[in-house]
Amino acid sequence: MSNDPAERQASGRAAAGSHPDRGGSVQSRRVVIVGGGFSAACFALQLLRAATFPVAISIIEPREHLGRGLAYSAADADHRLNAPLEGHVIDPDRPGELREWVEGAGVLHSDEKCRSGGGHVFLRRRDFGAFLTDLLRREASHARPGSSMEHVRDLAVAVSRPDGAYRVVTSGGRRLEADLLVLATGNPEPSLRPPFLPEHAGHPGIIANPLEPGCLEAVPADARVLVVGSGLTALDIVSTLLRREHRAELLVVSRRGLRPRPHAPHILGAAAPKGHRPPVVFDPPVPAFLRDEPLRIRAWSKALRREMRRCSAAGLPWQDSFDALRDAVFKIWPQLPVEEKNRFLRRLRVYYDAHRFRCPPMNDAGVRRAESSGRVRFAAATLLAVHPSAPDGGIRVEMKDTRSGEPAVRHFDWVVNCTGLDPGAGWRFNPFLNALADHGWLRLDPTGIGLHVGSHCEALDAAGNPQPTLRAIGPPTAGVFGDPLGVPFISGQIRRILPDVLRTLDC
């Protein structure tokens, strides 16, 4: 149970709200959400606001605070949201509530580095996490009579459905009944991938999970550090080490040497061009440049490049045409044949991600300054083998230059795994998801990325039948919808399925 007084109060209301009222005519619909990160917080918030009948929500999450998950539990001041404040909308009906909270909490005054050259605010991830926790707590305390929210600080480990309703069992032995079960398990913790071996995760010089708060505290300033992966997480890690005045060279390697692309010029400092798109469009049309294209990844890729060239000639940033595609991915990705989806995942996903997940300008600028002075070096290389017991007590790494094919052997004191998140891994390592699969109530998406769900995020059982009382939201649905991975895309997904969820609960 949470130690937060407001959450304990909400917990008491949840227990009371699960019974009929004094007249015996109204009973709260019981909703259990497994996972307590952003997806869970967003779902609970929108459901509490939209339901016209009492709902008793239980969120099973072992962390102390709801809403933070992997991403927003960050404590480091250098770890920022990678998009401006305006794009982080929790409820499409209330787009200004984050700005109001930030101003009321004095965040803009306490965080002097939060503004880009164009005046856009890039919040620290820890501040956004505090906003989510506070918003959810306030929403629970003002819920309609009979509605409530409970934070169950535990892990879900087993499930049954003895009488049509779900019965979820936690590792601490608690049993929760649910008329609606929601899987909001997010992304699993980062883990080592080949050529790392499973036993390398226990080595003191190998950081398998770079999102763990304080994971860099033991790294000496003169340590030889290899960062594997060159995406946003690598940018965070390097930024932190530079702030701590790391003196030795930092080598950042990835197979293709790709780095997150910058934001549009107006965000970095220039004025927005006429006709520029807003940060996020929640219900966009399919881009005109794709409407007549065949359902082939190659055709879509060519059409996007043509549109980017057209935008450039018209004085518009390439980000506008890319974002028109990004915002409509949830509409067009499900149309693709599975073989085309897999072709994208094998060949183009890494390029899409480099353009899609753009870097906070203040972090990028600091890393590039260090790069120009030789303190940081980026390289395109493939790791061949990792040997933690080098003769000097360090870590010997065999690698190959991706472009020239030249082999090399380098020695490091520390290796940080920043190879990115793997939505598909949640299925393999989550005992609760495996329990659902064992019952035949859940199955893997044909792409191998996440769970197979219907158009309203209802889980498909082993026979392919939709189950309206079992929903999966956010990153675990990436195989079906393509890109439910950022704040506005998850909140938009929840908004779209909410009417169907309410109909299911009101039956």
Protein backbone atom coordinates (compact mmCIF):
# COMPACT_ATOMS: atom_id res chain seq x y z
CA MET A 1 0.00 0.00 0.00
CA SER A 2 1.22 3.53 -0.73
CA ASN A 3 2.72 5.63 2.05
CA ASP A 4 1.15 8.74 0.52
CA PRO A 5 -1.74 9.98 2.72
CA ALA A 6 -3.82 11.05 -0.27
CA GLU A 7 -3.38 7.67 -1.91
CA ARG A 8 -4.29 5.87 1.33
CA GLN A 9 -7.43 8.00 1.50
CA ALA A 10 -8.25 7.10 -2.11
CA SER A 11 -7.63 3.46 -1.20
CA GLY A 12 -10.25 3.62 1.53
CA ARG A 13 -12.78 5.09 -0.86
CA ALA A 14 -11.99 2.32 -3.33
CA ALA A 15 -12.89 -0.35 -0.81
CA ALA A 16 -16.11 1.45 0.05
CA GLY A 17 -16.87 2.20 -3.58
CA SER A 18 -16.87 -1.45 -4.59
CA HIS A 19 -20.18 -2.05 -2.74
CA PRO A 20 -23.72 -0.97 -3.61
CA ASP A 21 -24.94 2.37 -2.27
CA ARG A 22 -27.42 2.57 0.59
CA GLY A 23 -30.33 2.03 -1.75
CA GLY A 24 -28.64 -1.05 -3.19
CA SER A 25 -29.06 0.21 -6.77
CA VAL A 26 -25.62 1.50 -7.70
CA GLN A 27 -22.45 -0.53 -7.71
CA SER A 28 -19.03 0.74 -8.76
CA ARG A 29 -17.52 -0.92 -11.79
CA ARG A 30 -14.26 -2.51 -10.70
CA VAL A 31 -11.24 -1.73 -12.87
CA VAL A 32 -7.81 -3.24 -12.22
CA ILE A 33 -4.85 -1.74 -14.08
CA VAL A 34 -1.64 -3.77 -14.09
CA GLY A 35 1.29 -1.37 -14.33
CA GLY A 36 1.49 2.13 -12.91
CA GLY A 37 3.49 4.22 -15.35
CA PHE A 38 2.26 6.85 -17.78
CA SER A 39 -0.20 4.60 -19.66
CA ALA A 40 -1.89 3.54 -16.42
CA ALA A 41 -2.05 7.09 -15.06
CA CYS A 42 -3.48 8.43 -18.30
CA PHE A 43 -6.10 5.69 -18.53
CA ALA A 44 -7.18 6.12 -14.90
CA LEU A 45 -7.36 9.89 -15.27
CA GLN A 46 -9.42 9.88 -18.45
CA LEU A 47 -11.72 7.14 -17.13
CA LEU A 48 -12.38 8.99 -13.85
CA ARG A 49 -13.22 12.15 -15.79
CA ALA A 50 -15.39 10.54 -18.46
CA ALA A 51 -17.41 7.92 -16.54
CA THR A 52 -20.99 8.90 -15.71
CA PHE A 53 -21.23 5.99 -13.25
CA PRO A 54 -19.01 5.07 -10.28
CA VAL A 55 -15.73 3.34 -11.05
CA ALA A 56 -13.36 1.83 -8.46
CA ILE A 57 -9.86 1.72 -9.93
CA SER A 58 -7.02 -0.34 -8.48
CA ILE A 59 -3.56 0.25 -9.98
CA ILE A 60 -1.02 -2.47 -9.25
CA GLU A 61 2.41 -0.86 -9.30
CA PRO A 62 5.39 -1.66 -7.03
CA ARG A 63 6.98 1.80 -7.32
CA GLU A 64 6.28 4.37 -4.64
CA HIS A 65 4.71 6.90 -6.99
CA LEU A 66 2.11 6.37 -9.68
CA GLY A 67 2.58 7.73 -13.18
CA ARG A 68 6.35 7.67 -13.34
CA GLY A 69 7.25 4.25 -14.66
CA LEU A 70 10.68 3.76 -16.23
CA ALA A 71 10.96 7.08 -18.02
CA TYR A 72 9.70 9.53 -15.42
CA SER A 73 11.33 8.00 -12.36
CA ALA A 74 14.55 9.66 -13.53
CA ALA A 75 16.22 11.74 -10.85
CA ASP A 76 19.01 13.27 -12.93
CA ALA A 77 18.63 16.95 -13.82
CA ASP A 78 20.11 16.31 -17.27
CA HIS A 79 17.42 13.83 -18.29
CA ARG A 80 14.74 15.78 -20.11
CA LEU A 81 11.64 15.18 -22.17
CA ASN A 82 12.67 15.02 -25.79
CA ALA A 83 9.76 17.16 -27.03
CA PRO A 84 8.46 20.58 -25.96
CA LEU A 85 6.00 20.98 -23.13
CA GLU A 86 3.05 21.66 -25.48
CA GLY A 87 3.26 18.15 -26.91
CA HIS A 88 2.84 16.40 -23.56
CA VAL A 89 -0.93 16.36 -23.32
CA ILE A 90 -2.55 13.93 -20.89
CA ASP A 91 -6.17 14.73 -21.73
CA PRO A 92 -6.94 16.16 -25.20
CA ASP A 93 -9.83 18.11 -23.63
CA ARG A 94 -7.43 19.91 -21.29
CA PRO A 95 -4.29 20.68 -23.31
CA GLY A 96 -3.15 23.44 -20.95
CA GLU A 97 -3.09 21.59 -17.64
CA LEU A 98 0.63 20.75 -17.77
CA ARG A 99 1.49 24.40 -18.43
CA GLU A 100 -0.75 25.45 -15.52
CA TRP A 101 0.91 22.97 -13.17
CA VAL A 102 4.42 23.96 -14.24
CA GLU A 103 3.70 27.62 -13.65
CA GLY A 104 2.00 26.96 -10.32
CA ALA A 105 4.85 24.75 -9.10
CA GLY A 106 7.50 27.30 -10.08
CA VAL A 107 9.32 24.80 -12.32
CA LEU A 108 10.23 27.41 -14.93
CA HIS A 109 12.03 29.46 -12.27
CA SER A 110 13.84 26.55 -10.63
CA ASP A 111 15.02 25.04 -13.93
CA GLU A 112 17.10 27.71 -15.65
CA LYS A 113 18.15 25.45 -18.53
CA CYS A 114 14.68 24.33 -19.59
CA ARG A 115 14.17 26.72 -22.55
CA SER A 116 15.45 26.25 -26.08
CA GLY A 117 16.66 29.11 -28.24
CA GLY A 118 13.14 29.40 -29.60
CA GLY A 119 11.68 29.71 -26.10
CA HIS A 120 10.21 26.20 -26.01
CA VAL A 121 10.27 24.41 -22.66
CA PHE A 122 11.90 20.98 -22.36
CA LEU A 123 11.00 19.77 -18.88
CA ARG A 124 13.14 17.52 -16.76
CA ARG A 125 11.64 14.05 -16.77
CA ARG A 126 11.50 14.04 -12.99
CA ASP A 127 9.33 17.19 -13.06
CA PHE A 128 6.94 15.60 -15.54
CA GLY A 129 6.77 12.53 -13.28
CA ALA A 130 5.91 14.75 -10.30
CA PHE A 131 3.16 16.37 -12.38
CA LEU A 132 1.64 12.99 -13.24
CA THR A 133 1.68 11.81 -9.62
CA ASP A 134 0.13 15.04 -8.37
CA LEU A 135 -2.50 15.19 -11.12
CA LEU A 136 -3.64 11.63 -10.51
CA ARG A 137 -3.79 12.15 -6.76
CA ARG A 138 -5.87 15.32 -7.15
CA GLU A 139 -8.20 13.65 -9.65
CA ALA A 140 -8.80 10.75 -7.26
CA SER A 141 -9.56 13.11 -4.37
CA HIS A 142 -12.17 14.94 -6.47
CA ALA A 143 -13.76 11.89 -8.08
CA ARG A 144 -17.54 11.63 -8.32
CA PRO A 145 -19.31 9.89 -5.38
CA GLY A 146 -18.62 6.17 -5.44
CA SER A 147 -15.60 6.53 -7.73
CA SER A 148 -12.10 6.06 -6.40
CA MET A 149 -8.52 5.11 -7.09
CA GLU A 150 -6.30 2.73 -5.15
CA HIS A 151 -2.54 2.26 -5.42
CA VAL A 152 -1.59 -1.35 -4.71
CA ARG A 153 2.18 -1.42 -4.20
CA ASP A 154 2.78 -4.95 -5.37
CA LEU A 155 3.26 -7.14 -8.43
CA ALA A 156 0.47 -9.00 -10.24
CA VAL A 157 1.50 -12.64 -10.61
CA ALA A 158 -1.62 -14.73 -11.31
CA VAL A 159 -5.12 -14.38 -12.69
CA SER A 160 -8.32 -16.40 -12.97
CA ARG A 161 -11.86 -15.80 -14.19
CA PRO A 162 -14.08 -17.97 -12.00
CA ASP A 163 -17.42 -16.18 -12.50
CA GLY A 164 -16.94 -13.94 -15.54
CA ALA A 165 -14.99 -11.33 -13.60
CA TYR A 166 -11.22 -11.41 -13.31
CA ARG A 167 -9.50 -12.24 -10.06
CA VAL A 168 -5.95 -10.86 -9.95
CA VAL A 169 -3.52 -12.20 -7.36
CA THR A 170 -0.47 -10.21 -6.27
CA SER A 171 2.86 -11.49 -5.00
CA GLY A 172 1.83 -10.36 -1.52
CA GLY A 173 -1.29 -12.55 -1.65
CA ARG A 174 -3.90 -9.88 -2.25
CA ARG A 175 -6.85 -10.75 -4.51
CA LEU A 176 -8.58 -8.08 -6.55
CA GLU A 177 -11.80 -8.56 -8.50
CA ALA A 178 -12.14 -6.77 -11.84
CA ASP A 179 -14.99 -6.18 -14.27
CA LEU A 180 -12.35 -4.69 -16.57
CA LEU A 181 -8.68 -5.69 -16.59
CA VAL A 182 -6.26 -3.26 -18.25
CA LEU A 183 -2.69 -4.16 -19.16
CA ALA A 184 -0.52 -1.05 -18.93
CA THR A 185 2.80 -2.82 -18.52
CA GLY A 186 4.71 -0.32 -20.68
CA ASN A 187 8.23 -1.14 -21.75
CA PRO A 188 10.25 -3.72 -19.84
CA GLU A 189 13.49 -2.68 -18.19
CA PRO A 190 16.43 -2.56 -20.63
CA SER A 191 18.44 -5.75 -20.78
CA LEU A 192 21.67 -6.90 -22.37
CA ARG A 193 21.53 -8.29 -25.88
CA PRO A 194 24.09 -10.38 -27.79
CA PRO A 195 27.05 -10.42 -27.86
CA PHE A 196 26.61 -9.80 -24.13
CA LEU A 197 26.00 -12.96 -22.15
CA PRO A 198 23.35 -13.29 -19.41
CA GLU A 199 26.00 -13.47 -16.69
CA HIS A 200 27.42 -10.11 -17.77
CA ALA A 201 24.43 -8.39 -16.13
CA GLY A 202 26.02 -9.04 -12.74
CA HIS A 203 29.40 -7.55 -13.59
CA PRO A 204 30.09 -4.36 -11.57
CA GLY A 205 31.48 -2.53 -14.61
CA ILE A 206 28.58 -3.32 -16.95
CA ILE A 207 25.44 -1.22 -16.55
CA ALA A 208 22.62 -3.27 -18.05
CA ASN A 209 19.84 -0.83 -17.13
CA PRO A 210 20.90 2.80 -17.75
CA LEU A 211 17.48 4.03 -16.57
CA GLU A 212 18.17 2.96 -13.00
CA PRO A 213 18.48 6.14 -10.91
CA GLY A 214 22.05 6.65 -9.71
CA CYS A 215 23.54 3.99 -11.97
CA LEU A 216 26.49 6.25 -12.89
CA GLU A 217 27.42 7.29 -9.37
CA ALA A 218 30.26 4.77 -9.10
CA VAL A 219 31.86 5.65 -12.46
CA PRO A 220 35.19 7.45 -11.77
CA ALA A 221 35.96 10.60 -13.75
CA ASP A 222 39.01 8.96 -15.35
CA ALA A 223 37.28 5.70 -16.31
CA ARG A 224 37.32 4.48 -19.90
CA VAL A 225 33.62 4.30 -20.80
CA LEU A 226 31.93 2.58 -23.73
CA VAL A 227 28.30 3.50 -24.40
CA VAL A 228 26.57 0.92 -26.59
CA GLY A 229 23.77 2.54 -28.58
CA SER A 230 23.52 6.15 -29.77
CA GLY A 231 19.87 7.08 -29.19
CA LEU A 232 18.22 9.32 -26.61
CA THR A 233 19.27 7.17 -23.66
CA ALA A 234 22.91 7.41 -24.74
CA LEU A 235 22.49 11.18 -24.99
CA ASP A 236 21.23 11.21 -21.38
CA ILE A 237 24.12 9.09 -20.14
CA VAL A 238 26.77 11.16 -21.88
CA SER A 239 25.16 14.41 -20.66
CA THR A 240 25.30 13.19 -17.07
CA LEU A 241 28.92 12.09 -17.30
CA LEU A 242 29.92 15.42 -18.85
CA ARG A 243 28.16 17.36 -16.09
CA ARG A 244 30.14 15.30 -13.58
CA GLU A 245 33.30 16.50 -15.39
CA HIS A 246 34.28 13.14 -16.77
CA ARG A 247 37.87 13.47 -18.03
CA ALA A 248 38.53 10.29 -20.02
CA GLU A 249 37.27 9.74 -23.54
CA LEU A 250 33.70 8.55 -23.90
CA LEU A 251 33.14 6.28 -26.90
CA VAL A 252 29.56 5.89 -28.18
CA VAL A 253 29.00 3.13 -30.72
CA SER A 254 26.01 1.82 -32.64
CA ARG A 255 25.78 -0.39 -35.66
CA ARG A 256 24.80 2.37 -38.09
CA GLY A 257 26.12 5.34 -36.19
CA LEU A 258 22.74 7.08 -36.28
CA ARG A 259 21.93 9.81 -33.79
CA PRO A 260 18.60 11.41 -32.87
CA ARG A 261 17.75 14.17 -35.31
CA PRO A 262 17.23 17.77 -34.19
CA HIS A 263 13.93 19.54 -33.77
CA ALA A 264 12.60 21.95 -36.38
CA PRO A 265 14.54 25.24 -36.70
CA HIS A 266 11.79 27.33 -35.09
CA ILE A 267 12.01 25.23 -31.91
CA LEU A 268 15.76 25.69 -31.82
CA GLY A 269 15.58 29.44 -32.34
CA ALA A 270 14.15 30.60 -35.64
CA ALA A 271 10.58 31.82 -36.21
CA ALA A 272 7.98 29.24 -37.19
CA PRO A 273 7.27 29.32 -40.93
CA LYS A 274 3.80 30.08 -42.23
CA GLY A 275 1.71 26.92 -42.47
CA HIS A 276 3.72 25.08 -39.82
CA ARG A 277 1.94 22.16 -38.12
CA PRO A 278 1.15 22.22 -34.37
CA PRO A 279 3.19 19.89 -32.12
CA VAL A 280 0.65 17.06 -32.17
CA VAL A 281 -2.53 16.41 -34.14
CA PHE A 282 -4.73 13.95 -32.23
CA ASP A 283 -7.04 12.90 -35.07
CA PRO A 284 -5.19 13.71 -38.29
CA PRO A 285 -6.18 12.66 -41.79
CA VAL A 286 -3.97 10.23 -43.62
CA PRO A 287 -1.36 12.42 -45.34
CA ALA A 288 -2.31 13.24 -48.92
CA PHE A 289 1.08 12.06 -50.16
CA LEU A 290 0.28 8.51 -48.95
CA ARG A 291 -3.40 8.12 -49.83
CA ASP A 292 -2.90 6.66 -53.29
CA GLU A 293 0.22 4.66 -52.51
CA PRO A 294 0.13 0.83 -52.46
CA LEU A 295 0.43 -0.91 -49.10
CA ARG A 296 4.17 -1.33 -49.42
CA ILE A 297 6.85 0.06 -47.14
CA ARG A 298 9.10 0.85 -50.08
CA ALA A 299 6.38 2.93 -51.75
CA TRP A 300 5.63 4.79 -48.51
CA SER A 301 9.32 5.51 -47.97
CA LYS A 302 9.68 6.96 -51.46
CA ALA A 303 6.54 9.06 -51.05
CA LEU A 304 7.80 10.45 -47.72
CA ARG A 305 11.15 11.42 -49.22
CA ARG A 306 9.40 13.17 -52.11
CA GLU A 307 7.21 15.11 -49.67
CA MET A 308 10.20 16.08 -47.55
CA ARG A 309 11.93 17.46 -50.65
CA ARG A 310 8.78 19.37 -51.57
CA CYS A 311 8.55 20.88 -48.09
CA SER A 312 12.19 21.88 -48.20
CA ALA A 313 11.67 23.66 -51.52
CA ALA A 314 8.68 25.51 -50.01
CA GLY A 315 10.72 26.67 -47.02
CA LEU A 316 9.10 24.26 -44.56
CA PRO A 317 11.16 22.01 -42.24
CA TRP A 318 11.39 18.32 -43.10
CA GLN A 319 9.93 17.62 -39.64
CA ASP A 320 6.49 18.80 -40.81
CA SER A 321 6.10 16.15 -43.49
CA PHE A 322 7.58 13.47 -41.26
CA ASP A 323 5.23 14.43 -38.43
CA ALA A 324 2.22 14.22 -40.74
CA LEU A 325 3.14 10.56 -41.24
CA ARG A 326 4.01 9.99 -37.57
CA ASP A 327 0.70 11.38 -36.28
CA ALA A 328 -1.30 9.13 -38.63
CA VAL A 329 0.69 5.93 -38.09
CA PHE A 330 -2.09 4.45 -35.92
CA LYS A 331 -4.42 4.70 -38.94
CA ILE A 332 -2.15 3.39 -41.69
CA TRP A 333 0.08 0.82 -39.96
CA PRO A 334 -2.78 -1.65 -39.28
CA GLN A 335 -3.50 -1.74 -43.04
CA LEU A 336 -0.08 -3.16 -43.86
CA PRO A 337 0.35 -6.90 -44.46
CA VAL A 338 2.41 -8.59 -41.74
CA GLU A 339 5.30 -9.22 -44.14
CA GLU A 340 5.48 -5.49 -44.89
CA LYS A 341 5.47 -4.63 -41.20
CA ASN A 342 8.30 -7.07 -40.61
CA ARG A 343 10.22 -5.61 -43.56
CA PHE A 344 9.99 -2.19 -41.92
CA LEU A 345 11.06 -3.56 -38.52
CA ARG A 346 14.10 -5.27 -40.06
CA ARG A 347 15.28 -2.53 -42.41
CA LEU A 348 13.84 0.88 -41.61
CA ARG A 349 12.81 1.05 -37.99
CA VAL A 350 16.19 2.33 -36.81
CA TYR A 351 16.03 5.18 -39.37
CA TYR A 352 12.45 5.98 -38.43
CA ASP A 353 13.40 6.12 -34.75
CA ALA A 354 16.32 8.46 -35.40
CA HIS A 355 13.95 10.96 -37.05
CA ARG A 356 11.03 10.27 -34.73
CA PHE A 357 12.70 10.58 -31.31
CA ARG A 358 14.40 13.96 -31.50
CA CYS A 359 16.90 15.23 -29.01
CA PRO A 360 16.41 17.91 -26.37
CA PRO A 361 18.42 20.82 -27.83
CA MET A 362 20.27 21.65 -24.60
CA ASN A 363 21.55 18.07 -24.24
CA ASP A 364 22.48 17.83 -27.89
CA ALA A 365 24.39 21.12 -27.79
CA GLY A 366 26.40 20.09 -24.74
CA VAL A 367 27.34 16.71 -26.21
CA ARG A 368 28.35 18.24 -29.53
CA ARG A 369 30.60 20.75 -27.79
CA ALA A 370 32.29 17.89 -25.97
CA GLU A 371 32.56 16.00 -29.23
CA SER A 372 34.30 18.92 -30.95
CA SER A 373 36.85 19.06 -28.12
CA GLY A 374 37.53 15.32 -28.31
CA ARG A 375 35.93 14.37 -24.98
CA VAL A 376 33.22 12.34 -26.73
CA ARG A 377 33.52 10.25 -29.88
CA PHE A 378 30.75 8.60 -31.88
CA ALA A 379 31.45 5.63 -34.13
CA ALA A 380 29.58 3.18 -36.33
CA ALA A 381 30.65 -0.23 -35.09
CA THR A 382 29.29 -3.67 -34.39
CA LEU A 383 30.20 -5.45 -31.16
CA LEU A 384 31.51 -8.97 -31.75
CA ALA A 385 32.39 -10.12 -28.24
CA VAL A 386 32.64 -8.80 -24.69
CA HIS A 387 35.18 -10.18 -22.20
CA PRO A 388 34.83 -8.71 -18.69
CA SER A 389 38.04 -10.32 -17.39
CA ALA A 390 40.68 -8.42 -19.32
CA PRO A 391 44.28 -8.70 -18.04
CA ASP A 392 44.19 -5.13 -16.68
CA GLY A 393 40.98 -5.86 -14.78
CA GLY A 394 38.90 -3.99 -17.32
CA ILE A 395 36.52 -5.12 -20.05
CA ARG A 396 37.92 -6.20 -23.42
CA VAL A 397 35.55 -5.54 -26.32
CA GLU A 398 35.97 -6.89 -29.83
CA MET A 399 34.22 -4.78 -32.46
CA LYS A 400 34.15 -4.17 -36.18
CA ASP A 401 33.89 -0.85 -37.97
CA THR A 402 30.54 -1.00 -39.77
CA ARG A 403 31.68 0.95 -42.81
CA SER A 404 35.20 -0.34 -43.40
CA GLY A 405 34.85 -3.79 -41.86
CA GLU A 406 38.09 -3.25 -39.94
CA PRO A 407 38.22 -5.24 -36.68
CA ALA A 408 39.43 -3.66 -33.47
CA VAL A 409 39.96 -4.60 -29.84
CA ARG A 410 39.38 -1.91 -27.19
CA HIS A 411 39.64 -1.95 -23.42
CA PHE A 412 37.21 -0.17 -21.10
CA ASP A 413 36.57 0.15 -17.40
CA TRP A 414 32.82 0.58 -17.76
CA VAL A 415 30.26 -0.37 -20.42
CA VAL A 416 26.78 1.18 -20.45
CA ASN A 417 24.00 -0.59 -22.33
CA CYS A 418 21.90 1.97 -24.23
CA THR A 419 20.59 -0.29 -26.98
CA GLY A 420 17.02 0.86 -26.41
CA LEU A 421 13.73 -0.54 -25.19
CA ASP A 422 12.22 -3.74 -26.52
CA PRO A 423 8.38 -3.87 -26.28
CA GLY A 424 8.43 -7.54 -27.24
CA ALA A 425 10.53 -8.45 -24.21
CA GLY A 426 7.63 -7.64 -21.88
CA TRP A 427 5.94 -10.84 -22.95
CA ARG A 428 8.98 -12.99 -22.23
CA PHE A 429 9.79 -11.69 -18.75
CA ASN A 430 6.41 -10.78 -17.24
CA PRO A 431 4.88 -13.67 -15.23
CA PHE A 432 1.44 -12.06 -15.25
CA LEU A 433 1.33 -11.79 -19.03
CA ASN A 434 2.48 -15.38 -19.26
CA ALA A 435 -0.31 -16.40 -16.90
CA LEU A 436 -2.86 -14.75 -19.18
CA ALA A 437 -1.31 -16.50 -22.17
CA ASP A 438 -1.42 -19.85 -20.39
CA HIS A 439 -5.18 -19.38 -20.00
CA GLY A 440 -5.43 -18.65 -23.72
CA TRP A 441 -6.65 -15.10 -23.10
CA LEU A 442 -3.65 -13.38 -24.64
CA ARG A 443 -1.35 -13.89 -27.58
CA LEU A 444 1.68 -12.27 -29.16
CA ASP A 445 1.23 -9.97 -32.14
CA PRO A 446 2.29 -11.61 -35.45
CA THR A 447 5.14 -9.08 -35.75
CA GLY A 448 6.58 -10.33 -32.46
CA ILE A 449 6.29 -6.81 -31.04
CA GLY A 450 3.91 -6.69 -28.11
CA LEU A 451 0.40 -8.10 -27.81
CA HIS A 452 -2.24 -8.82 -30.42
CA VAL A 453 -5.25 -6.56 -29.86
CA GLY A 454 -8.33 -5.38 -31.73
CA SER A 455 -9.16 -1.88 -32.93
CA HIS A 456 -10.27 -0.80 -29.43
CA CYS A 457 -7.25 -2.38 -27.73
CA GLU A 458 -9.28 -5.42 -26.65
CA ALA A 459 -6.96 -8.41 -26.25
CA LEU A 460 -7.40 -11.22 -28.75
CA ASP A 461 -7.49 -14.70 -27.27
CA ALA A 462 -5.70 -17.75 -28.64
CA ALA A 463 -8.45 -18.24 -31.23
CA GLY A 464 -8.36 -14.59 -32.31
CA ASN A 465 -11.57 -13.55 -30.55
CA PRO A 466 -11.70 -10.05 -29.02
CA GLN A 467 -12.25 -9.81 -25.26
CA PRO A 468 -13.84 -6.48 -24.37
CA THR A 469 -13.14 -6.86 -20.64
CA LEU A 470 -9.39 -7.34 -21.21
CA ARG A 471 -7.55 -4.37 -22.74
CA ALA A 472 -3.90 -3.58 -23.44
CA ILE A 473 -2.75 0.00 -23.93
CA GLY A 474 0.43 1.88 -24.80
CA PRO A 475 3.75 0.29 -25.85
CA PRO A 476 2.53 -3.35 -25.67
CA THR A 477 0.26 -2.54 -28.65
CA ALA A 478 3.11 -1.30 -30.88
CA GLY A 479 2.89 -4.32 -33.17
CA VAL A 480 -0.76 -3.52 -33.97
CA PHE A 481 -0.71 0.29 -34.10
CA GLY A 482 2.90 1.05 -34.99
CA ASP A 483 3.77 3.94 -32.70
CA PRO A 484 1.85 4.22 -29.39
CA LEU A 485 5.11 5.16 -27.68
CA GLY A 486 5.04 8.84 -26.72
CA VAL A 487 2.86 10.80 -24.32
CA PRO A 488 0.40 12.34 -26.83
CA PHE A 489 0.15 9.11 -28.79
CA ILE A 490 -0.76 7.07 -25.73
CA SER A 491 -3.21 9.68 -24.47
CA GLY A 492 -4.75 9.86 -27.96
CA GLN A 493 -5.08 6.09 -28.08
CA ILE A 494 -6.87 6.07 -24.73
CA ARG A 495 -9.20 8.85 -25.85
CA ARG A 496 -10.15 6.88 -28.97
CA ILE A 497 -10.98 3.65 -27.11
CA LEU A 498 -12.67 5.29 -24.12
CA PRO A 499 -16.24 5.32 -25.52
CA ASP A 500 -16.01 1.58 -26.19
CA VAL A 501 -14.52 0.98 -22.72
CA LEU A 502 -17.38 2.91 -21.12
CA ARG A 503 -19.95 0.91 -23.08
CA THR A 504 -18.34 -2.31 -21.90
CA LEU A 505 -18.38 -1.20 -18.27
CA ASP A 506 -21.97 0.07 -18.48
CA CYS A 507 -23.39 -3.23 -19.71
